[in-house]
């Protein structure tokens, strides 16, 4: 699904923090939480919709 393309931002931030020793500001954590909740909400709604059609 294309909704998982949003996770590339989290991977890039994680790589920057782990590999390049970049600082992790609070707004990156908040943004990451928003991305994860959006992906989770979209996949949960999609799964619910598929279950209703079966």
PDB file of N, CA and C in Angstrom:
ATOM      1  N   UNK A   1       0.833  -1.186   0.000  1.00  0.00           N
ATOM      2  CA  UNK A   1       0.000   0.000   0.000  1.00  0.00           C
ATOM      3  C   UNK A   1       0.872   1.243   0.000  1.00  0.00           C
ATOM      4  N   UNK A   2       0.373   2.267  -0.621  1.00  0.00           N
ATOM      5  CA  UNK A   2       1.147   3.502  -0.706  1.00  0.00           C
ATOM      6  C   UNK A   2       1.183   4.261   0.618  1.00  0.00           C
ATOM      7  N   UNK A   3       0.318   3.923   1.551  1.00  0.00           N
ATOM      8  CA  UNK A   3       0.329   4.617   2.842  1.00  0.00           C
ATOM      9  C   UNK A   3       1.630   4.360   3.594  1.00  0.00           C
ATOM     10  N   UNK A   4       2.283   3.234   3.312  1.00  0.00           N
ATOM     11  CA  UNK A   4       3.533   2.909   3.989  1.00  0.00           C
ATOM     12  C   UNK A   4       4.702   3.750   3.490  1.00  0.00           C
ATOM     13  N   UNK A   5       4.518   4.486   2.389  1.00  0.00           N
ATOM     14  CA  UNK A   5       5.563   5.403   1.934  1.00  0.00           C
ATOM     15  C   UNK A   5       5.846   6.478   2.974  1.00  0.00           C
ATOM     16  N   UNK A   6       4.900   6.770   3.829  1.00  0.00           N
ATOM     17  CA  UNK A   6       5.098   7.754   4.883  1.00  0.00           C
ATOM     18  C   UNK A   6       6.138   7.293   5.905  1.00  0.00           C
ATOM     19  N   UNK A   7       6.366   6.013   5.975  1.00  0.00           N
ATOM     20  CA  UNK A   7       7.328   5.483   6.943  1.00  0.00           C
ATOM     21  C   UNK A   7       8.773   5.759   6.541  1.00  0.00           C
ATOM     22  N   UNK A   8       9.028   6.151   5.301  1.00  0.00           N
ATOM     23  CA  UNK A   8      10.394   6.450   4.888  1.00  0.00           C
ATOM     24  C   UNK A   8      10.970   7.617   5.685  1.00  0.00           C
ATOM     25  N   UNK A   9      10.121   8.542   6.074  1.00  0.00           N
ATOM     26  CA  UNK A   9      10.570   9.657   6.900  1.00  0.00           C
ATOM     27  C   UNK A   9      11.083   9.150   8.246  1.00  0.00           C
ATOM     28  N   UNK A  10      10.371   8.227   8.845  1.00  0.00           N
ATOM     29  CA  UNK A  10      10.810   7.674  10.130  1.00  0.00           C
ATOM     30  C   UNK A  10      12.120   6.907   9.991  1.00  0.00           C
ATOM     31  N   UNK A  11      12.268   6.193   8.895  1.00  0.00           N
ATOM     32  CA  UNK A  11      13.502   5.439   8.666  1.00  0.00           C
ATOM     33  C   UNK A  11      14.671   6.402   8.496  1.00  0.00           C
ATOM     34  N   UNK A  12      14.449   7.493   7.773  1.00  0.00           N
ATOM     35  CA  UNK A  12      15.515   8.477   7.571  1.00  0.00           C
ATOM     36  C   UNK A  12      15.915   9.135   8.883  1.00  0.00           C
ATOM     37  N   UNK A  13      14.944   9.474   9.715  1.00  0.00           N
ATOM     38  CA  UNK A  13      15.253  10.087  11.010  1.00  0.00           C
ATOM     39  C   UNK A  13      15.984   9.092  11.904  1.00  0.00           C
ATOM     40  N   UNK A  14      15.528   7.848  11.921  1.00  0.00           N
ATOM     41  CA  UNK A  14      16.182   6.831  12.738  1.00  0.00           C
ATOM     42  C   UNK A  14      17.621   6.609  12.282  1.00  0.00           C
ATOM     43  N   UNK A  15      17.845   6.585  10.976  1.00  0.00           N
ATOM     44  CA  UNK A  15      19.200   6.409  10.459  1.00  0.00           C
ATOM     45  C   UNK A  15      20.080   7.590  10.830  1.00  0.00           C
ATOM     46  N   UNK A  16      19.541   8.791  10.748  1.00  0.00           N
ATOM     47  CA  UNK A  16      20.318   9.980  11.097  1.00  0.00           C
ATOM     48  C   UNK A  16      20.710   9.964  12.570  1.00  0.00           C
ATOM     49  N   UNK A  17      19.798   9.533  13.412  1.00  0.00           N
ATOM     50  CA  UNK A  17      20.086   9.497  14.847  1.00  0.00           C
ATOM     51  C   UNK A  17      21.081   8.383  15.174  1.00  0.00           C
ATOM     52  N   UNK A  18      20.875   7.210  14.604  1.00  0.00           N
ATOM     53  CA  UNK A  18      21.716   6.061  14.947  1.00  0.00           C
ATOM     54  C   UNK A  18      23.080   6.084  14.263  1.00  0.00           C
ATOM     55  N   UNK A  19      23.108   6.453  12.992  1.00  0.00           N
ATOM     56  CA  UNK A  19      24.362   6.378  12.242  1.00  0.00           C
ATOM     57  C   UNK A  19      25.159   7.670  12.340  1.00  0.00           C
ATOM     58  N   UNK A  20      24.481   8.800  12.160  1.00  0.00           N
ATOM     59  CA  UNK A  20      25.177  10.084  12.126  1.00  0.00           C
ATOM     60  C   UNK A  20      25.239  10.783  13.480  1.00  0.00           C
ATOM     61  N   UNK A  21      24.632  10.167  14.494  1.00  0.00           N
ATOM     62  CA  UNK A  21      24.614  10.733  15.846  1.00  0.00           C
ATOM     63  C   UNK A  21      23.970  12.127  15.883  1.00  0.00           C
ATOM     64  N   UNK A  22      22.949  12.328  15.049  1.00  0.00           N
ATOM     65  CA  UNK A  22      22.214  13.590  15.046  1.00  0.00           C
ATOM     66  C   UNK A  22      21.320  13.652  16.288  1.00  0.00           C
ATOM     67  N   UNK A  23      21.044  14.848  16.788  1.00  0.00           N
ATOM     68  CA  UNK A  23      20.112  14.956  17.921  1.00  0.00           C
ATOM     69  C   UNK A  23      18.685  14.648  17.474  1.00  0.00           C
ATOM     70  N   UNK A  24      17.878  14.214  18.417  1.00  0.00           N
ATOM     71  CA  UNK A  24      16.479  13.899  18.128  1.00  0.00           C
ATOM     72  C   UNK A  24      15.596  14.931  18.828  1.00  0.00           C
ATOM     73  N   UNK A  25      15.174  15.975  18.109  1.00  0.00           N
ATOM     74  CA  UNK A  25      14.332  17.006  18.730  1.00  0.00           C
ATOM     75  C   UNK A  25      12.936  16.466  19.050  1.00  0.00           C
ATOM     76  N   UNK A  26      12.278  17.130  19.965  1.00  0.00           N
ATOM     77  CA  UNK A  26      10.953  16.693  20.403  1.00  0.00           C
ATOM     78  C   UNK A  26       9.946  16.710  19.255  1.00  0.00           C
ATOM     79  N   UNK A  27      10.088  17.658  18.332  1.00  0.00           N
ATOM     80  CA  UNK A  27       9.103  17.756  17.254  1.00  0.00           C
ATOM     81  C   UNK A  27       9.256  16.614  16.246  1.00  0.00           C
ATOM     82  N   UNK A  28      10.418  15.984  16.169  1.00  0.00           N
ATOM     83  CA  UNK A  28      10.563  14.792  15.334  1.00  0.00           C
ATOM     84  C   UNK A  28       9.835  13.612  15.988  1.00  0.00           C
ATOM     85  N   UNK A  29       9.895  13.545  17.303  1.00  0.00           N
ATOM     86  CA  UNK A  29       9.181  12.482  18.021  1.00  0.00           C
ATOM     87  C   UNK A  29       7.675  12.656  17.848  1.00  0.00           C
ATOM     88  N   UNK A  30       7.192  13.893  17.984  1.00  0.00           N
ATOM     89  CA  UNK A  30       5.762  14.154  17.804  1.00  0.00           C
ATOM     90  C   UNK A  30       5.338  13.836  16.372  1.00  0.00           C
ATOM     91  N   UNK A  31       6.150  14.261  15.403  1.00  0.00           N
ATOM     92  CA  UNK A  31       5.841  13.966  14.002  1.00  0.00           C
ATOM     93  C   UNK A  31       5.831  12.479  13.720  1.00  0.00           C
ATOM     94  N   UNK A  32       6.773  11.762  14.311  1.00  0.00           N
ATOM     95  CA  UNK A  32       6.805  10.307  14.152  1.00  0.00           C
ATOM     96  C   UNK A  32       5.569   9.640  14.728  1.00  0.00           C
ATOM     97  N   UNK A  33       5.133  10.129  15.880  1.00  0.00           N
ATOM     98  CA  UNK A  33       3.914   9.574  16.485  1.00  0.00           C
ATOM     99  C   UNK A  33       2.697   9.843  15.599  1.00  0.00           C
ATOM    100  N   UNK A  34       2.643  11.015  15.000  1.00  0.00           N
ATOM    101  CA  UNK A  34       1.535  11.335  14.099  1.00  0.00           C
ATOM    102  C   UNK A  34       1.564  10.458  12.845  1.00  0.00           C
ATOM    103  N   UNK A  35       2.757  10.229  12.315  1.00  0.00           N
ATOM    104  CA  UNK A  35       2.876   9.361  11.137  1.00  0.00           C
ATOM    105  C   UNK A  35       2.437   7.939  11.475  1.00  0.00           C
ATOM    106  N   UNK A  36       2.921   7.417  12.594  1.00  0.00           N
ATOM    107  CA  UNK A  36       2.562   6.053  12.985  1.00  0.00           C
ATOM    108  C   UNK A  36       1.062   5.933  13.232  1.00  0.00           C
ATOM    109  N   UNK A  37       0.474   6.926  13.901  1.00  0.00           N
ATOM    110  CA  UNK A  37      -0.970   6.857  14.149  1.00  0.00           C
ATOM    111  C   UNK A  37      -1.756   6.958  12.845  1.00  0.00           C
ATOM    112  N   UNK A  38      -1.270   7.745  11.896  1.00  0.00           N
ATOM    113  CA  UNK A  38      -1.950   7.848  10.608  1.00  0.00           C
ATOM    114  C   UNK A  38      -1.881   6.552   9.823  1.00  0.00           C
ATOM    115  N   UNK A  39      -0.718   5.928   9.807  1.00  0.00           N
ATOM    116  CA  UNK A  39      -0.575   4.647   9.107  1.00  0.00           C
ATOM    117  C   UNK A  39      -1.417   3.584   9.790  1.00  0.00           C
ATOM    118  N   UNK A  40      -1.373   3.552  11.108  1.00  0.00           N
ATOM    119  CA  UNK A  40      -2.165   2.566  11.848  1.00  0.00           C
ATOM    120  C   UNK A  40      -3.659   2.780  11.604  1.00  0.00           C
ATOM    121  N   UNK A  41      -4.108   4.033  11.679  1.00  0.00           N
ATOM    122  CA  UNK A  41      -5.524   4.317  11.468  1.00  0.00           C
ATOM    123  C   UNK A  41      -5.988   3.961  10.071  1.00  0.00           C
ATOM    124  N   UNK A  42      -5.147   4.227   9.089  1.00  0.00           N
ATOM    125  CA  UNK A  42      -5.511   3.910   7.711  1.00  0.00           C
ATOM    126  C   UNK A  42      -5.588   2.407   7.485  1.00  0.00           C
ATOM    127  N   UNK A  43      -4.615   1.668   7.997  1.00  0.00           N
ATOM    128  CA  UNK A  43      -4.640   0.222   7.803  1.00  0.00           C
ATOM    129  C   UNK A  43      -5.747  -0.429   8.621  1.00  0.00           C
ATOM    130  N   UNK A  44      -6.037   0.109   9.800  1.00  0.00           N
ATOM    131  CA  UNK A  44      -7.126  -0.456  10.609  1.00  0.00           C
ATOM    132  C   UNK A  44      -8.471  -0.212   9.933  1.00  0.00           C
ATOM    133  N   UNK A  45      -8.661   0.989   9.387  1.00  0.00           N
ATOM    134  CA  UNK A  45      -9.913   1.282   8.694  1.00  0.00           C
ATOM    135  C   UNK A  45     -10.051   0.455   7.436  1.00  0.00           C
ATOM    136  N   UNK A  46      -8.928   0.236   6.752  1.00  0.00           N
ATOM    137  CA  UNK A  46      -8.947  -0.576   5.543  1.00  0.00           C
ATOM    138  C   UNK A  46      -9.285  -2.039   5.875  1.00  0.00           C
ATOM    139  N   UNK A  47      -8.705  -2.556   6.939  1.00  0.00           N
ATOM    140  CA  UNK A  47      -8.978  -3.930   7.348  1.00  0.00           C
ATOM    141  C   UNK A  47     -10.431  -4.089   7.793  1.00  0.00           C
ATOM    142  N   UNK A  48     -10.950  -3.087   8.463  1.00  0.00           N
ATOM    143  CA  UNK A  48     -12.345  -3.121   8.913  1.00  0.00           C
ATOM    144  C   UNK A  48     -13.277  -3.123   7.705  1.00  0.00           C
ATOM    145  N   UNK A  49     -12.945  -2.324   6.703  1.00  0.00           N
ATOM    146  CA  UNK A  49     -13.753  -2.265   5.493  1.00  0.00           C
ATOM    147  C   UNK A  49     -13.733  -3.569   4.727  1.00  0.00           C
ATOM    148  N   UNK A  50     -12.569  -4.220   4.683  1.00  0.00           N
ATOM    149  CA  UNK A  50     -12.482  -5.518   3.990  1.00  0.00           C
ATOM    150  C   UNK A  50     -13.255  -6.582   4.743  1.00  0.00           C
ATOM    151  N   UNK A  51     -13.253  -6.531   6.068  1.00  0.00           N
ATOM    152  CA  UNK A  51     -13.981  -7.538   6.853  1.00  0.00           C
ATOM    153  C   UNK A  51     -15.488  -7.377   6.659  1.00  0.00           C
ATOM    154  N   UNK A  52     -15.949  -6.142   6.489  1.00  0.00           N
ATOM    155  CA  UNK A  52     -17.370  -5.906   6.287  1.00  0.00           C
ATOM    156  C   UNK A  52     -17.865  -6.372   4.924  1.00  0.00           C
ATOM    157  N   UNK A  53     -16.976  -6.398   3.941  1.00  0.00           N
ATOM    158  CA  UNK A  53     -17.364  -6.820   2.593  1.00  0.00           C
ATOM    159  C   UNK A  53     -17.378  -8.325   2.438  1.00  0.00           C
ATOM    160  N   UNK A  54     -16.687  -9.043   3.294  1.00  0.00           N
ATOM    161  CA  UNK A  54     -16.577 -10.497   3.136  1.00  0.00           C
ATOM    162  C   UNK A  54     -17.824 -11.205   3.567  1.00  0.00           C
TER     163      UNK A  54
END
